[in-house]
Protein backbone atom coordinates (compact mmCIF):
# COMPACT_ATOMS: atom_id res chain seq x y z
CA MET A 1 -21.49 -19.15 9.89
CA SER A 2 -22.05 -19.17 6.14
CA LYS A 3 -22.14 -22.56 4.45
CA GLN A 4 -18.79 -23.58 2.98
CA THR A 5 -18.30 -24.86 -0.54
CA PRO A 6 -17.73 -28.59 -1.22
CA LYS A 7 -14.08 -27.88 -2.09
CA ALA A 8 -13.58 -25.96 1.14
CA LYS A 9 -15.05 -28.87 3.13
CA ILE A 10 -12.60 -31.32 1.53
CA LEU A 11 -9.63 -29.05 2.21
CA ARG A 12 -10.75 -28.68 5.83
CA GLU A 13 -11.03 -32.49 6.13
CA ILE A 14 -7.34 -32.89 5.25
CA GLY A 15 -6.26 -30.24 7.76
CA LEU A 16 -6.14 -27.00 5.76
CA LYS A 17 -7.58 -23.76 7.11
CA THR A 18 -10.59 -22.53 5.16
CA LYS A 19 -13.18 -19.84 5.74
CA ASN A 20 -15.44 -17.29 4.11
CA ALA A 21 -13.20 -14.21 3.88
CA ASN A 22 -13.59 -11.49 6.52
CA PHE A 23 -11.02 -9.23 4.83
CA ASP A 24 -10.36 -7.60 1.45
CA SER A 25 -7.29 -8.76 -0.45
CA THR A 26 -6.02 -10.03 -3.80
CA CYS A 27 -5.64 -13.69 -4.70
CA LYS A 28 -1.98 -14.56 -5.35
CA VAL A 29 -2.98 -17.14 -7.98
CA CYS A 30 -5.59 -15.53 -10.23
CA GLY A 31 -5.05 -11.89 -9.25
CA GLY A 32 -8.76 -11.48 -8.59
CA ALA A 33 -10.27 -9.68 -5.62
CA ILE A 34 -10.96 -11.46 -2.33
CA ASN A 35 -14.10 -9.86 -0.92
CA GLY A 36 -14.58 -9.65 2.83
CA THR A 37 -18.08 -8.25 2.49
CA SER A 38 -21.17 -9.75 0.91
CA PRO A 39 -20.83 -11.74 -1.24
CA LYS A 40 -17.88 -13.18 0.68
CA CYS A 41 -15.28 -15.30 -1.08
CA SER A 42 -14.39 -18.82 0.03
CA VAL A 43 -10.64 -18.87 0.77
CA ALA A 44 -8.07 -21.44 1.85
CA GLN A 45 -4.63 -21.03 3.41
CA VAL A 46 -1.85 -22.76 1.45
CA LYS A 47 1.89 -22.50 0.91
CA ILE A 48 2.77 -21.26 -2.60
CA PRO A 49 6.25 -22.58 -3.52
CA THR A 50 7.24 -19.37 -5.34
CA GLU A 51 6.19 -17.08 -2.47
CA SER A 52 8.44 -16.26 0.50
CA ARG A 53 5.54 -16.15 2.95
CA LYS A 54 4.84 -19.35 4.86
CA ALA A 55 1.15 -19.22 4.03
CA ASN A 56 -1.19 -17.27 1.73
CA TRP A 57 -4.99 -16.94 1.65
CA ILE A 58 -6.23 -17.65 -1.89
CA HIS A 59 -9.56 -18.48 -3.52
CA THR A 60 -10.65 -22.03 -2.74
CA HIS A 61 -11.24 -22.68 -6.43
CA CYS A 62 -7.66 -21.56 -7.18
CA VAL A 63 -6.10 -24.27 -5.02
CA ASP A 64 -3.91 -26.56 -7.19
CA VAL A 65 -3.54 -29.73 -5.14
CA ASP A 66 -0.68 -30.97 -7.36
CA TYR A 67 1.33 -27.74 -6.84
CA HIS A 68 0.37 -26.02 -3.60
CA LEU A 69 1.63 -27.27 -0.23
CA LYS A 70 0.26 -27.62 3.27
CA PRO A 71 1.77 -24.71 5.27
CA GLU A 72 2.63 -26.78 8.36
CA THR A 73 4.37 -29.73 6.65
CA GLU A 74 5.12 -28.28 3.18
CA GLN A 75 3.74 -31.52 1.76
CA LEU A 76 1.89 -31.60 -1.58
CA ILE A 77 -1.82 -31.32 -0.86
CA VAL A 78 -2.68 -34.15 -3.25
CA GLU A 79 -0.47 -36.53 -1.24
CA THR A 80 -2.74 -36.07 1.79
CA MET A 81 -5.95 -36.83 -0.12
CA SER A 82 -7.71 -40.11 -0.60
CA ASN A 83 -8.79 -41.11 -4.11
CA SER A 84 -12.41 -40.24 -3.34
CA GLN A 85 -11.42 -36.84 -1.95
CA PHE A 86 -9.30 -36.05 -5.00
CA LYS A 87 -12.07 -37.12 -7.35
CA ALA A 88 -14.66 -35.07 -5.47
CA PHE A 89 -12.35 -32.03 -5.32
CA THR A 90 -11.64 -32.01 -9.05
CA SER A 91 -15.34 -32.46 -9.86
CA GLY A 92 -16.53 -29.91 -7.30
CA GLU A 93 -18.86 -32.43 -5.65
CA GLU A 94 -19.07 -33.42 -2.01
CA VAL A 95 -17.40 -36.62 -0.84
CA PRO A 96 -20.15 -39.25 -0.65
CA LYS A 97 -21.02 -40.12 2.92
CA THR A 98 -20.73 -43.71 4.08
CA PRO A 99 -24.28 -45.14 4.39
CA PRO A 100 -25.35 -46.46 7.79
CA LYS A 101 -24.61 -50.11 8.38
CA ASP A 102 -28.19 -51.40 8.65
CA THR A 103 -27.97 -54.18 6.06
CA PRO A 104 -29.28 -57.47 7.47
CA LYS A 105 -26.55 -60.02 8.20
CA GLU A 106 -28.16 -62.65 6.02
CA THR A 107 -27.96 -60.44 2.90
CA LYS A 108 -25.44 -61.89 0.53
CA LYS A 109 -22.64 -59.57 -0.52
CA MET A 110 -22.08 -59.00 -4.19
CA PRO A 111 -18.69 -60.05 -5.45
CA ARG A 112 -16.34 -57.09 -5.60
CA LYS A 113 -14.82 -55.96 -8.83
CA GLN A 114 -11.09 -55.58 -9.05
CA LYS A 115 -10.26 -52.07 -7.80
CA THR A 116 -8.92 -49.84 -10.54
CA GLU A 117 -6.83 -46.76 -9.84
CA ASP A 118 -8.65 -43.45 -10.36
CA PHE A 119 -7.53 -41.57 -13.43
CA ASN A 120 -5.40 -38.55 -12.46
CA PRO A 121 -5.15 -36.23 -15.49
CA PHE A 122 -2.27 -34.33 -13.86
CA ALA A 123 -0.02 -37.34 -13.42
CA PRO A 124 3.02 -37.61 -15.78
CA ASN A 125 2.13 -39.19 -19.16
CA ALA A 126 -1.43 -39.81 -17.90
CA LEU A 127 -3.08 -39.15 -21.28
CA ALA A 128 -0.55 -41.24 -23.22
CA LYS A 129 -1.30 -44.26 -21.03
CA LYS A 130 -5.10 -43.92 -21.23
CA ASP A 131 -5.50 -42.72 -24.83
CA PRO A 132 -2.33 -42.97 -27.00
CA ALA A 133 -4.11 -41.65 -30.11
CA GLY A 134 -5.52 -38.66 -28.27
CA ALA A 135 -2.10 -37.93 -26.78
CA ALA A 136 -0.51 -37.92 -30.24
CA LEU A 137 -3.16 -35.51 -31.57
CA ALA A 138 -2.75 -33.24 -28.53
CA GLU A 139 1.00 -33.15 -29.12
CA LEU A 140 0.43 -31.88 -32.67
CA VAL A 141 -2.20 -29.20 -32.08
CA GLY A 142 -1.56 -28.39 -28.42
CA PRO A 143 1.34 -25.93 -28.91
CA HIS A 144 -0.65 -23.86 -31.42
CA ILE A 145 -3.73 -23.63 -29.20
CA LEU A 146 -1.60 -22.94 -26.12
CA GLY A 147 0.30 -20.18 -27.93
CA GLN A 148 -2.90 -18.39 -28.94
CA PHE A 149 -4.35 -18.77 -25.44
CA THR A 150 -1.14 -17.52 -23.78
CA ASP A 151 -1.08 -14.39 -25.96
CA LEU A 152 -4.69 -13.66 -25.04
CA VAL A 153 -4.04 -14.17 -21.32
CA ASP A 154 -0.90 -11.97 -21.37
CA THR A 155 -2.75 -9.16 -23.15
CA THR A 156 -5.75 -9.36 -20.81
CA LEU A 157 -3.60 -9.46 -17.68
CA GLU A 158 -1.56 -6.46 -18.82
CA GLU A 159 -4.72 -4.43 -19.45
CA LYS A 160 -6.22 -5.38 -16.07
CA VAL A 161 -3.03 -4.66 -14.11
CA ASN A 162 -2.58 -1.29 -15.81
CA ALA A 163 -6.18 -0.43 -14.98
CA LEU A 164 -5.61 -1.23 -11.30
CA ALA A 165 -2.65 1.21 -11.04
CA LEU A 166 -1.22 -0.86 -8.18
CA PRO A 167 1.87 0.37 -6.31
CA ARG A 168 5.06 -1.33 -7.31
CA THR A 169 8.76 -1.42 -6.70
CA THR A 170 9.53 1.44 -9.06
CA VAL A 171 12.28 1.47 -11.65
CA VAL A 172 12.87 4.97 -13.03
CA LYS A 173 13.78 5.09 -16.70
CA PRO A 174 15.89 8.18 -17.42
CA LEU A 175 15.18 10.45 -20.37
CA GLY A 176 17.42 8.94 -23.04
CA ASP A 177 19.62 5.87 -23.25
CA PHE A 178 20.78 5.52 -19.64
CA GLU A 179 20.71 2.89 -16.91
CA GLU A 180 17.57 2.48 -14.86
CA VAL A 181 17.44 3.58 -11.22
CA LYS A 182 15.75 1.31 -8.66
CA VAL A 183 13.75 3.27 -6.10
CA GLY A 184 11.66 0.80 -4.11
CA LEU A 185 8.02 0.86 -3.01
CA VAL A 186 6.52 4.25 -3.82
CA HIS A 187 3.19 6.04 -3.75
CA PRO A 188 1.35 6.23 -7.11
CA CYS A 189 1.92 10.03 -7.14
CA PHE A 190 5.70 9.62 -6.88
CA ASP A 191 6.33 9.68 -10.64
CA GLU A 192 4.50 12.98 -11.09
CA ALA A 193 6.46 14.68 -8.30
CA LEU A 194 9.76 13.19 -9.52
CA ASN A 195 9.21 14.54 -13.03
CA LEU A 196 8.77 18.03 -11.58
CA GLY A 197 12.07 17.52 -9.78
CA ARG A 198 13.78 16.53 -13.01
CA ILE A 199 12.94 19.86 -14.60
CA ARG A 200 13.24 21.85 -11.32
CA VAL A 201 9.62 23.05 -11.21
CA ASN A 202 8.41 23.91 -7.70
CA CYS A 203 6.08 21.20 -6.40
CA MET A 204 3.18 21.50 -3.95
CA ALA A 205 2.16 18.02 -2.78
CA THR A 206 -1.22 18.49 -1.14
CA GLY A 207 -3.15 15.76 0.63
CA PRO A 208 -4.26 14.30 3.97
CA ALA A 209 -1.95 13.77 6.93
CA GLY A 210 0.22 10.67 6.93
CA SER A 211 -0.17 9.88 3.22
CA GLY A 212 3.60 9.74 2.58
CA LYS A 213 4.36 13.18 1.10
CA THR A 214 7.45 13.97 3.19
CA HIS A 215 8.83 10.45 2.81
CA ALA A 216 8.49 10.79 -0.96
CA ALA A 217 10.63 13.97 -0.83
CA ARG A 218 13.51 11.89 0.53
CA GLN A 219 12.96 9.24 -2.18
CA ILE A 220 13.02 11.96 -4.86
CA PHE A 221 16.29 13.32 -3.44
CA GLU A 222 17.96 9.89 -3.58
CA THR A 223 16.63 9.27 -7.10
CA LEU A 224 17.88 12.62 -8.47
CA LYS A 225 21.30 11.86 -6.96
CA ALA A 226 21.40 8.56 -8.85
CA LEU A 227 20.08 9.84 -12.19
CA PRO A 228 22.56 11.21 -14.77
CA VAL A 229 22.45 14.97 -15.28
CA GLU A 230 21.22 14.47 -18.86
CA ALA A 231 18.11 12.75 -17.42
CA GLY A 232 17.39 15.50 -14.90
CA GLY A 233 19.71 14.30 -12.15
CA PHE A 234 21.87 16.55 -10.01
CA ALA A 235 24.94 18.02 -11.70
CA ASN A 236 26.89 17.87 -8.42
CA PRO A 237 25.48 14.88 -6.54
CA ASP A 238 28.31 14.85 -3.96
CA SER A 239 27.58 18.35 -2.64
CA VAL A 240 23.76 18.47 -2.64
CA ARG A 241 21.73 18.59 0.58
CA PHE A 242 18.37 17.39 1.81
CA ALA A 243 16.47 19.44 4.38
CA VAL A 244 12.97 19.37 5.86
CA LEU A 245 11.65 22.48 7.61
CA SER A 246 8.49 21.89 9.66
CA CYS A 247 6.35 25.01 9.33
CA HIS A 248 3.95 26.36 11.95
CA ASN A 249 1.74 29.38 12.54
CA GLU A 250 4.18 31.24 14.76
CA MET A 251 7.16 31.10 12.40
CA MET A 252 8.87 34.35 11.50
CA PRO A 253 10.68 35.22 8.24
CA SER A 254 13.96 34.82 10.16
CA ASP A 255 13.10 31.14 10.72
CA ILE A 256 13.31 30.68 6.96
CA VAL A 257 16.35 32.79 6.04
CA GLY A 258 18.16 32.66 9.39
CA PRO A 259 18.41 35.10 12.32
CA MET A 260 20.63 38.14 12.87
CA ILE A 261 22.91 37.39 15.84
CA PRO A 262 24.20 40.40 17.84
CA ASN A 263 27.87 40.66 18.66
CA VAL A 264 28.04 41.56 22.36
CA SER A 265 31.51 43.04 22.07
CA ASP A 266 30.81 45.75 19.51
CA GLY A 267 27.01 45.72 19.12
CA SER A 268 27.13 44.68 15.46
CA GLU A 269 24.88 41.96 14.04
CA ASN A 270 25.92 38.97 11.99
CA HIS A 271 23.60 36.87 9.86
CA ARG A 272 23.48 33.11 10.45
CA ILE A 273 22.13 31.42 7.34
CA SER A 274 19.50 28.76 7.80
CA GLU A 275 19.51 25.21 6.47
CA SER A 276 16.98 26.32 3.83
CA VAL A 277 19.46 28.90 2.52
CA LYS A 278 22.25 26.31 2.46
CA VAL A 279 20.16 24.01 0.23
CA PHE A 280 19.27 27.02 -1.96
CA ARG A 281 23.01 27.70 -2.33
CA ASP A 282 24.38 24.14 -2.65
CA GLY A 283 21.46 22.40 -4.36
CA GLY A 284 19.38 19.37 -3.42
CA VAL A 285 15.80 18.94 -2.25
CA LEU A 286 14.35 21.58 0.08
CA CYS A 287 11.12 20.36 1.68
CA TRP A 288 8.95 22.85 3.54
CA ASP A 289 6.56 20.60 5.44
CA GLU A 290 3.04 21.83 6.38
CA PHE A 291 3.64 24.92 4.22
CA ASP A 292 0.01 26.00 4.60
CA ARG A 293 0.61 26.64 8.31
CA LEU A 294 2.67 29.76 7.53
CA VAL A 295 1.03 33.13 8.11
CA GLY A 296 0.96 35.44 5.10
CA GLY A 297 4.06 37.53 5.79
CA THR A 298 6.29 34.53 6.53
CA ALA A 299 5.12 32.67 3.43
CA VAL A 300 5.79 35.75 1.28
CA ALA A 301 9.37 35.77 2.66
CA ALA A 302 9.83 32.43 0.88
CA ASN A 303 8.73 33.85 -2.50
CA MET A 304 12.22 34.96 -3.43
CA ALA A 305 13.56 31.43 -3.02
CA LEU A 306 10.62 29.99 -4.95
CA ALA A 307 10.91 32.24 -8.00
CA ASN A 308 14.28 34.04 -8.23
CA ASP A 309 17.82 33.03 -9.07
CA GLU A 310 19.14 35.11 -6.16
CA TRP A 311 18.09 35.45 -2.53
CA THR A 312 18.95 38.59 -0.58
CA MET A 313 19.73 37.99 3.10
CA PRO A 314 18.90 40.42 5.95
CA ASP A 315 22.51 41.64 6.04
CA GLY A 316 22.46 42.43 2.33
CA THR A 317 24.38 39.34 1.22
CA VAL A 318 23.13 37.90 -2.07
CA ILE A 319 22.99 34.09 -2.34
CA LYS A 320 22.89 32.62 -5.84
CA LYS A 321 20.60 29.67 -6.48
CA SER A 322 22.15 26.31 -7.35
CA GLU A 323 21.10 24.71 -10.61
CA ASP A 324 20.46 21.55 -8.57
CA LEU A 325 17.76 23.11 -6.36
CA PHE A 326 14.32 21.47 -6.23
CA ILE A 327 11.75 22.87 -3.79
CA LEU A 328 8.89 20.64 -2.68
CA VAL A 329 6.33 21.87 -0.16
CA THR A 330 3.70 19.70 1.49
CA THR A 331 0.25 20.93 2.50
CA ASN A 332 -3.03 19.53 3.74
CA THR A 333 -5.05 22.17 1.89
CA LEU A 334 -4.68 24.10 -1.34
CA GLY A 335 -3.83 27.27 0.55
CA GLN A 336 -7.44 28.40 0.85
CA GLY A 337 -7.28 28.73 4.63
CA LYS A 338 -9.38 27.41 7.49
CA GLY A 339 -12.54 25.58 6.63
CA ARG A 340 -14.76 22.73 7.68
CA GLY A 341 -12.36 19.87 8.17
CA PRO A 342 -9.61 18.45 10.35
CA TYR A 343 -6.99 21.05 9.34
CA SER A 344 -8.25 24.05 11.30
CA ALA A 345 -4.74 25.47 11.73
CA ALA A 346 -4.26 25.97 7.98
CA GLU A 347 -3.68 29.53 6.81
CA THR A 348 -4.63 31.33 3.60
CA LEU A 349 -1.63 31.57 1.30
CA ASP A 350 -1.06 34.71 -0.74
CA GLY A 351 -1.91 34.48 -4.43
CA ALA A 352 1.64 35.45 -5.39
CA THR A 353 2.95 32.56 -3.30
CA LEU A 354 0.52 30.06 -4.84
CA ASN A 355 1.49 31.26 -8.32
CA ARG A 356 5.05 30.05 -7.63
CA PHE A 357 3.63 26.53 -7.99
CA ALA A 358 2.05 27.01 -11.42
CA ASN A 359 1.56 23.55 -13.02
CA GLY A 360 3.29 22.03 -10.02
CA VAL A 361 0.40 20.96 -7.75
CA VAL A 362 0.24 17.21 -7.08
CA LEU A 363 -3.00 15.95 -5.51
CA TRP A 364 -1.71 13.36 -3.06
CA GLY A 365 -4.24 11.09 -1.36
CA TYR A 366 -4.51 7.84 0.56
CA ASP A 367 -4.03 4.84 -1.74
CA ARG A 368 -5.50 1.52 -0.56
CA ALA A 369 -3.29 -0.75 -2.66
CA PHE A 370 -0.14 1.14 -1.59
CA GLU A 371 -1.16 0.90 2.07
CA ARG A 372 -1.87 -2.82 1.79
CA GLN A 373 1.52 -3.51 0.22
CA LEU A 374 3.32 -1.18 2.66
CA ILE A 375 1.83 -2.80 5.78
CA GLY A 376 1.69 -6.42 4.60
CA ASP A 377 -0.97 -7.46 7.14
CA ASP A 378 -4.45 -7.84 5.65
CA GLU A 379 -6.17 -8.05 9.03
CA ILE A 380 -4.79 -4.68 10.15
CA VAL A 381 -5.29 -2.91 6.83
CA SER A 382 -8.85 -4.19 6.39
CA PHE A 383 -9.84 -2.91 9.84
CA TYR A 384 -8.55 0.61 9.18
CA HIS A 385 -9.94 0.74 5.63
CA ASP A 386 -13.35 -0.27 6.96
CA LEU A 387 -13.09 2.29 9.79
CA ARG A 388 -12.14 5.04 7.32
CA ASP A 389 -15.09 4.13 5.06
CA ARG A 390 -17.50 4.21 7.99
CA ALA A 391 -16.16 7.56 9.22
CA ASP A 392 -16.48 9.09 5.73
CA LYS A 393 -20.02 7.75 5.36
CA ALA A 394 -20.96 9.17 8.78
CA GLY A 395 -19.53 12.58 7.84
CA LEU A 396 -16.80 12.50 10.52
CA VAL A 397 -14.42 14.69 8.54
CA GLY A 398 -12.31 15.38 11.62
CA ARG A 399 -11.36 11.72 12.08
CA ILE A 400 -8.04 11.15 10.29
CA ILE A 401 -7.21 7.46 9.71
CA SER A 402 -3.81 7.34 8.08
CA PRO A 403 -1.06 4.78 7.36
CA ARG A 404 0.56 5.93 10.62
CA HIS A 405 -2.23 4.10 12.48
CA MET A 406 -1.53 0.98 10.45
CA LEU A 407 2.26 1.08 10.92
CA ASN A 408 1.90 1.51 14.69
CA ALA A 409 -0.69 -1.27 14.83
CA LYS A 410 1.69 -3.57 12.95
CA LYS A 411 4.41 -2.93 15.56
CA MET A 412 1.95 -3.61 18.38
CA LYS A 413 0.79 -6.87 16.81
CA HIS A 414 4.08 -8.32 15.61
CA ILE A 415 6.49 -6.97 18.25
CA LEU A 416 4.39 -6.59 21.40
CA GLY A 417 2.03 -9.46 20.57
CA TYR A 418 -1.21 -7.46 20.95
CA ASP A 419 -4.37 -9.05 19.57
CA MET A 420 -6.66 -7.14 17.20
CA GLU A 421 -9.27 -6.50 19.90
CA THR A 422 -6.69 -4.58 21.94
CA ILE A 423 -5.44 -2.74 18.86
CA ARG A 424 -8.98 -1.67 17.94
CA LYS A 425 -9.52 -0.19 21.40
CA LEU A 426 -6.17 1.61 21.36
CA SER A 427 -6.98 3.04 17.93
CA LEU A 428 -10.21 4.56 19.24
CA ARG A 429 -8.99 6.08 22.49
CA ASP A 430 -9.46 9.62 21.22
CA TRP A 431 -13.00 8.93 19.96
CA ASN A 432 -16.18 9.73 21.88
CA ARG A 433 -19.31 7.65 22.34
CA LYS A 434 -21.30 9.63 19.77
CA ASP A 435 -18.73 9.07 17.00
CA LEU A 436 -18.30 5.40 17.86
CA LYS A 437 -22.04 4.86 17.55
CA ALA A 438 -22.06 6.79 14.28
CA VAL A 439 -19.64 4.31 12.69
CA GLY A 440 -21.67 1.32 13.88
CA PHE A 441 -19.91 -0.09 16.95
CA ASP A 442 -22.22 -1.86 19.40
CA ASP A 443 -22.76 -0.72 22.98
CA ALA A 444 -20.70 -3.54 24.50
CA PHE A 445 -17.62 -2.66 22.46
CA ILE A 446 -18.07 1.08 23.05
CA SER A 447 -18.27 0.59 26.82
CA SER A 448 -15.16 -1.56 26.75
CA ALA A 449 -13.26 0.90 24.55
CA LEU A 450 -14.20 3.89 26.70
CA GLN A 451 -13.25 1.99 29.82
CA THR A 452 -9.82 1.49 28.30
CA ASN A 453 -9.90 5.22 27.62
CA GLY A 454 -10.37 6.02 31.30
CA GLY A 455 -14.15 6.21 31.02
CA ALA A 456 -14.23 9.57 29.19
CA ALA A 457 -17.21 9.72 26.86
């Protein structure tokens, strides 16, 4: 085990949990990174009064003993410290060890001085009691210095946060002087896709499996319903629809527009419109999921809906497009067809079909900060992020490690009570020995994981 810092040792002495981080996270106090790889950060588990969580891991040097609490008792940390521990903690030095009692009995003891209370600079009116003149001077110049420092800190923090592009609980500001619309936790690509929806430009959200593309389509639908029409919202929010059509390689054009149903009594055929056509007619968000699984002829059948104001049905009926229609398709590829990668079922999309998404392609990927905030369990997220990094480094392009793994692992841990060792093995059941060795697992773990997997290597 790596040597702990003097501050960490003191916190451990009074019963707090401390360690050298084995996970990646963000400190709730300073906003800085907590590194789980070399060089590892020294962290301590405390209760932050303003946070809802019972305990948070923060940098050891960010612990404020006069503000933070012990998680178990919710007692101020400083109240559990001795004077020597407090003095050593604030100075960053180790608590002096008591020397061995080997002094001869006949040695005369020096007279003790009257014990004076250690100076605590954080106590109320501490400076005024110790140095009245200094306190008066600080009262005069302090506000000016503090104001300048606060402005600098605010500016620096704003720049750093903007540079991080962290996910957030989004508030959509309409175009013009209208009320804001609260959306919730969204992927960083949400704004770009939403803006296409505001102006009704076809959107192709392309990215890896499980990255949240289809879920975002539902969020866009709810947001456009709430926005005023002047800001790009739906003109008829009470009548719009939301539909998701899962595409596959064996789909026919009739699966998109609806089949012709024969009438057994007279032999005539009647057209039954599909859910896609209903959204085209009534407005809303039409999501064609896995659009790059469609074979060429079926995808071309969708071109009329993607580009025209009218859609001719197989029986000759003409359906007019609603002004509230927004079409969003999700893909794992850019329509270039099969290639080296995990999406071997992808088809090549016709150039005329791809042109329907001019200026509307959104490159949608995995986002670490979004995943960490979505899952809320650093131990789970750190394992899957590390596994994804190892797989990428080893060139295992066929190994998809998505937020779906993390969400399922969270249910297993917090509902079923599984430990992380069990979750790791369950996560790797579809891996083989060669791939497990490629990402650095040792032989003992591989044998155990494959045993869980029925022994198939």
